[in-house]
Amino acid sequence: MQPVTRSFGLLWDALFLQRDAYAHMRDDDNPFVEGLFILVLLGVLLAVAAMIGTTLEWASTPNLDAVRDVVLKNLQTMEWYQFLQRSPGSESSFLQVWNSIWNAFAGLAPSPLRSLTGIITRPLGLIVWWLVFGLLAHGLARVFGGKGTLNQTLGATALAASPQLITLLTVLPFVAVAGLGTWTLLCGYMALRTVHDLSWPRAVFAALLPPLIIGLVVALIVSAVLVVGFTIAMASFGGGM
């Protein structure tokens, strides 16, 4: 129980940019293992909270089938729908489209069963983000004259996930949280400055550039996929002609 309490204490202090928390991770016997443990623990907690929030939201959401039936009955009383009924096949086509739209909408509705997958995906997402950000940030910090090791960087940057604690508020139905990205960057900045003993401008650049690099790579991949997809579609269309 003590490691769990200590981990949450570190996350709480890191959330409020307490330098001692980042220094503790830097000076830990094995910062990587400590950081991994913290992120798994945080991910599981967030997943459980999301499950509770989803269940409460699901319980307070009206039955979508009943809503669909009420809306459809009201549509059927309208003059345009009565005209639709006089056209052979039009009503059945409309009902097919109508049911497809509602089925797709129902797939977006809160589902306690689907939220169970968060027990795996939430910690995994945090770990992937941590490794990508930590590796890029470490490389940039060293380029800017940083003195820390990769192990220390990964340990301290794990605490950059501490703003995710605020998302625990989403356990309440329909509660949304904004501004986590900026707070996460501030925590990343504090981690890099503590580990690498960088000046504040260099620590800012080391913290800001990784998300920009990641965004650029993702944009290039999406653009390439769109270009390939468009090329294939045009080739198929041309072949059909």
Protein backbone atom coordinates (compact mmCIF):
# COMPACT_ATOMS: atom_id res chain seq x y z
CA MET A 1 0.00 0.00 0.00
CA GLN A 2 2.90 2.36 0.73
CA PRO A 3 4.18 2.41 -2.90
CA VAL A 4 0.67 3.31 -4.09
CA THR A 5 0.34 6.12 -1.55
CA ARG A 6 3.81 7.42 -2.42
CA SER A 7 3.04 7.35 -6.14
CA PHE A 8 -0.14 9.36 -5.74
CA GLY A 9 1.70 11.77 -3.48
CA LEU A 10 4.28 12.33 -6.20
CA LEU A 11 1.57 12.82 -8.83
CA TRP A 12 -0.23 15.31 -6.62
CA ASP A 13 2.94 17.33 -5.96
CA ALA A 14 3.90 17.19 -9.65
CA LEU A 15 0.45 18.45 -10.60
CA PHE A 16 1.23 21.67 -8.74
CA LEU A 17 4.74 21.85 -10.22
CA GLN A 18 6.54 21.02 -6.98
CA ARG A 19 10.20 20.62 -7.98
CA ASP A 20 10.86 18.08 -5.19
CA ALA A 21 8.59 15.53 -6.88
CA TYR A 22 10.56 15.68 -10.13
CA ALA A 23 13.85 15.64 -8.22
CA HIS A 24 12.69 12.53 -6.37
CA MET A 25 12.09 10.74 -9.68
CA ARG A 26 15.44 11.93 -11.01
CA ASP A 27 17.27 10.55 -7.98
CA ASP A 28 15.30 7.29 -7.71
CA ASP A 29 17.25 4.00 -7.88
CA ASN A 30 15.38 3.07 -11.07
CA PRO A 31 13.39 6.04 -12.42
CA PHE A 32 12.08 4.09 -15.45
CA VAL A 33 10.48 1.33 -13.36
CA GLU A 34 9.06 3.90 -10.91
CA GLY A 35 7.63 5.93 -13.78
CA LEU A 36 6.11 2.84 -15.39
CA PHE A 37 4.48 1.83 -12.10
CA ILE A 38 3.04 5.33 -11.63
CA LEU A 39 1.56 5.42 -15.13
CA VAL A 40 -0.01 1.96 -14.88
CA LEU A 41 -1.49 2.90 -11.51
CA LEU A 42 -2.79 6.21 -12.85
CA GLY A 43 -4.19 4.59 -15.99
CA VAL A 44 -6.11 1.96 -14.02
CA LEU A 45 -7.51 4.62 -11.66
CA LEU A 46 -8.63 6.77 -14.60
CA ALA A 47 -10.21 3.75 -16.30
CA VAL A 48 -12.18 2.82 -13.17
CA ALA A 49 -13.33 6.42 -12.76
CA ALA A 50 -14.37 6.51 -16.43
CA MET A 51 -16.35 3.29 -15.95
CA ILE A 52 -18.20 4.79 -12.99
CA GLY A 53 -18.88 8.00 -14.92
CA THR A 54 -20.07 6.10 -17.99
CA THR A 55 -22.37 3.96 -15.85
CA LEU A 56 -23.91 7.04 -14.21
CA GLU A 57 -24.32 8.71 -17.59
CA TRP A 58 -25.86 5.54 -19.05
CA ALA A 59 -28.30 5.33 -16.13
CA SER A 60 -29.38 8.95 -16.60
CA THR A 61 -29.71 8.76 -20.41
CA PRO A 62 -33.23 8.22 -21.84
CA ASN A 63 -33.90 4.97 -23.66
CA LEU A 64 -32.84 5.67 -27.25
CA ASP A 65 -35.29 3.17 -28.73
CA ALA A 66 -38.16 4.97 -27.03
CA VAL A 67 -36.87 8.34 -28.25
CA ARG A 68 -36.55 6.98 -31.79
CA ASP A 69 -40.13 5.68 -31.76
CA VAL A 70 -41.53 8.97 -30.45
CA VAL A 71 -39.66 11.03 -33.06
CA LEU A 72 -40.71 8.67 -35.86
CA LYS A 73 -44.37 8.81 -34.82
CA ASN A 74 -44.24 12.59 -34.94
CA LEU A 75 -42.63 12.52 -38.37
CA GLN A 76 -45.29 10.16 -39.65
CA THR A 77 -48.00 12.70 -38.83
CA MET A 78 -46.43 15.29 -41.10
CA GLU A 79 -47.74 15.98 -44.56
CA TRP A 80 -44.47 15.24 -46.36
CA TYR A 81 -44.37 11.76 -44.80
CA GLN A 82 -47.88 11.00 -45.96
CA PHE A 83 -46.83 12.01 -49.46
CA LEU A 84 -43.82 9.70 -49.07
CA GLN A 85 -46.14 6.79 -48.28
CA ARG A 86 -47.91 7.20 -51.61
CA SER A 87 -44.67 6.69 -53.52
CA PRO A 88 -43.85 2.96 -53.99
CA GLY A 89 -40.73 1.93 -52.09
CA SER A 90 -40.02 5.42 -50.74
CA GLU A 91 -41.20 4.73 -47.22
CA SER A 92 -39.19 1.51 -46.87
CA SER A 93 -36.06 3.29 -48.18
CA PHE A 94 -36.59 6.12 -45.71
CA LEU A 95 -37.03 3.68 -42.81
CA GLN A 96 -33.82 1.86 -43.75
CA VAL A 97 -31.88 5.12 -43.70
CA TRP A 98 -33.65 6.18 -40.50
CA ASN A 99 -32.75 2.95 -38.69
CA SER A 100 -29.16 3.11 -39.93
CA ILE A 101 -28.76 6.63 -38.56
CA TRP A 102 -30.23 5.69 -35.20
CA ASN A 103 -28.12 2.52 -34.94
CA ALA A 104 -24.98 4.58 -35.59
CA PHE A 105 -26.12 7.14 -33.01
CA ALA A 106 -26.83 4.36 -30.50
CA GLY A 107 -23.24 3.15 -30.97
CA LEU A 108 -22.03 6.46 -29.54
CA ALA A 109 -24.23 6.21 -26.47
CA PRO A 110 -22.64 5.52 -23.05
CA SER A 111 -21.96 1.81 -22.55
CA PRO A 112 -20.65 0.41 -19.23
CA LEU A 113 -19.60 -2.78 -21.03
CA ARG A 114 -17.51 -0.95 -23.64
CA SER A 115 -15.86 1.14 -20.93
CA LEU A 116 -14.29 -2.04 -19.48
CA THR A 117 -11.71 -1.95 -22.27
CA GLY A 118 -10.30 1.20 -20.64
CA ILE A 119 -8.61 -0.99 -18.00
CA ILE A 120 -6.16 -1.96 -20.74
CA THR A 121 -6.27 0.92 -23.21
CA ARG A 122 -5.96 3.76 -20.68
CA PRO A 123 -2.65 2.65 -19.09
CA LEU A 124 -1.35 1.58 -22.51
CA GLY A 125 -2.14 5.00 -23.99
CA LEU A 126 -0.34 6.76 -21.14
CA ILE A 127 2.72 4.53 -21.53
CA VAL A 128 2.94 5.05 -25.31
CA TRP A 129 2.60 8.84 -24.89
CA TRP A 130 5.24 8.77 -22.14
CA LEU A 131 7.79 6.81 -24.15
CA VAL A 132 7.40 8.88 -27.31
CA PHE A 133 7.43 12.21 -25.48
CA GLY A 134 10.21 11.15 -23.13
CA LEU A 135 12.54 9.90 -25.87
CA LEU A 136 12.05 12.99 -28.03
CA ALA A 137 12.33 15.37 -25.07
CA HIS A 138 15.50 13.64 -23.84
CA GLY A 139 17.15 13.90 -27.25
CA LEU A 140 16.28 17.60 -27.53
CA ALA A 141 17.36 18.31 -23.96
CA ARG A 142 20.76 16.75 -24.65
CA VAL A 143 21.08 18.80 -27.84
CA PHE A 144 20.40 21.92 -25.75
CA GLY A 145 23.16 20.97 -23.28
CA GLY A 146 21.22 18.81 -20.83
CA LYS A 147 23.09 16.67 -18.32
CA GLY A 148 20.52 14.04 -17.33
CA THR A 149 20.36 10.39 -18.40
CA LEU A 150 17.55 8.79 -20.40
CA ASN A 151 16.52 6.80 -17.33
CA GLN A 152 16.19 9.99 -15.29
CA THR A 153 14.30 11.77 -18.07
CA LEU A 154 11.76 8.98 -18.41
CA GLY A 155 11.27 8.82 -14.66
CA ALA A 156 10.61 12.55 -14.33
CA THR A 157 8.51 12.91 -17.49
CA ALA A 158 6.18 10.19 -16.22
CA LEU A 159 4.98 12.83 -13.75
CA ALA A 160 3.97 15.03 -16.71
CA ALA A 161 0.86 12.82 -16.84
CA SER A 162 -0.22 14.19 -13.44
CA PRO A 163 -2.79 16.64 -14.94
CA GLN A 164 -4.77 13.52 -15.89
CA LEU A 165 -5.79 13.43 -12.22
CA ILE A 166 -8.17 16.28 -13.04
CA THR A 167 -10.09 14.00 -15.39
CA LEU A 168 -11.29 12.13 -12.31
CA LEU A 169 -13.96 14.82 -12.22
CA THR A 170 -15.50 13.13 -15.26
CA VAL A 171 -16.85 10.50 -12.89
CA LEU A 172 -19.76 12.96 -12.69
CA PRO A 173 -22.11 12.69 -15.70
CA PHE A 174 -21.65 15.26 -18.50
CA VAL A 175 -18.59 16.88 -16.84
CA ALA A 176 -15.86 17.90 -19.31
CA VAL A 177 -12.30 19.04 -18.58
CA ALA A 178 -10.25 21.39 -20.75
CA GLY A 179 -6.72 22.81 -20.70
CA LEU A 180 -4.92 19.56 -19.84
CA GLY A 181 -2.54 19.90 -22.79
CA THR A 182 -1.08 23.17 -21.53
CA TRP A 183 -0.78 21.89 -17.97
CA THR A 184 0.92 18.71 -19.24
CA LEU A 185 3.49 20.79 -21.12
CA LEU A 186 4.18 22.80 -17.97
CA CYS A 187 4.82 19.58 -16.07
CA GLY A 188 7.05 18.35 -18.89
CA TYR A 189 8.96 21.61 -18.75
CA MET A 190 9.48 21.24 -15.01
CA ALA A 191 10.65 17.63 -15.46
CA LEU A 192 13.21 18.52 -18.11
CA ARG A 193 14.53 21.56 -16.26
CA THR A 194 14.93 19.53 -13.05
CA VAL A 195 16.64 16.55 -14.68
CA HIS A 196 18.86 18.35 -17.18
CA ASP A 197 19.56 21.58 -15.29
CA LEU A 198 18.55 23.62 -18.35
CA SER A 199 17.84 27.34 -18.48
CA TRP A 200 14.14 28.07 -18.71
CA PRO A 201 14.14 29.01 -22.45
CA ARG A 202 15.92 25.77 -23.38
CA ALA A 203 13.63 23.72 -21.15
CA VAL A 204 10.61 25.37 -22.80
CA PHE A 205 11.84 24.44 -26.28
CA ALA A 206 12.70 20.89 -25.18
CA ALA A 207 9.16 20.48 -23.83
CA LEU A 208 7.32 22.18 -26.71
CA LEU A 209 9.08 20.61 -29.69
CA PRO A 210 8.12 16.93 -29.10
CA PRO A 211 4.34 17.55 -29.47
CA LEU A 212 5.03 19.65 -32.57
CA ILE A 213 7.19 16.88 -34.06
CA ILE A 214 4.56 14.25 -33.23
CA GLY A 215 1.82 16.41 -34.76
CA LEU A 216 3.88 16.94 -37.92
CA VAL A 217 4.56 13.20 -38.32
CA VAL A 218 0.89 12.36 -37.80
CA ALA A 219 -0.14 15.04 -40.32
CA LEU A 220 2.31 13.65 -42.89
CA ILE A 221 1.05 10.09 -42.37
CA VAL A 222 -2.61 11.17 -42.67
CA SER A 223 -1.80 13.19 -45.79
CA ALA A 224 0.01 10.22 -47.36
CA VAL A 225 -2.91 7.91 -46.59
CA LEU A 226 -5.38 10.39 -48.09
CA VAL A 227 -3.27 10.81 -51.22
CA VAL A 228 -2.93 7.04 -51.67
CA GLY A 229 -6.65 6.53 -51.03
CA PHE A 230 -7.57 9.28 -53.50
CA THR A 231 -5.21 7.84 -56.11
CA ILE A 232 -6.69 4.35 -55.72
CA ALA A 233 -10.24 5.73 -55.90
CA MET A 234 -9.47 7.73 -59.04
CA ALA A 235 -7.79 4.71 -60.64
CA SER A 236 -10.80 2.54 -59.83
CA PHE A 237 -13.18 5.17 -61.15
CA GLY A 238 -11.12 5.54 -64.31
CA GLY A 239 -11.05 1.78 -64.80
CA GLY A 240 -14.81 1.63 -64.37
CA MET A 241 -15.25 4.27 -67.02
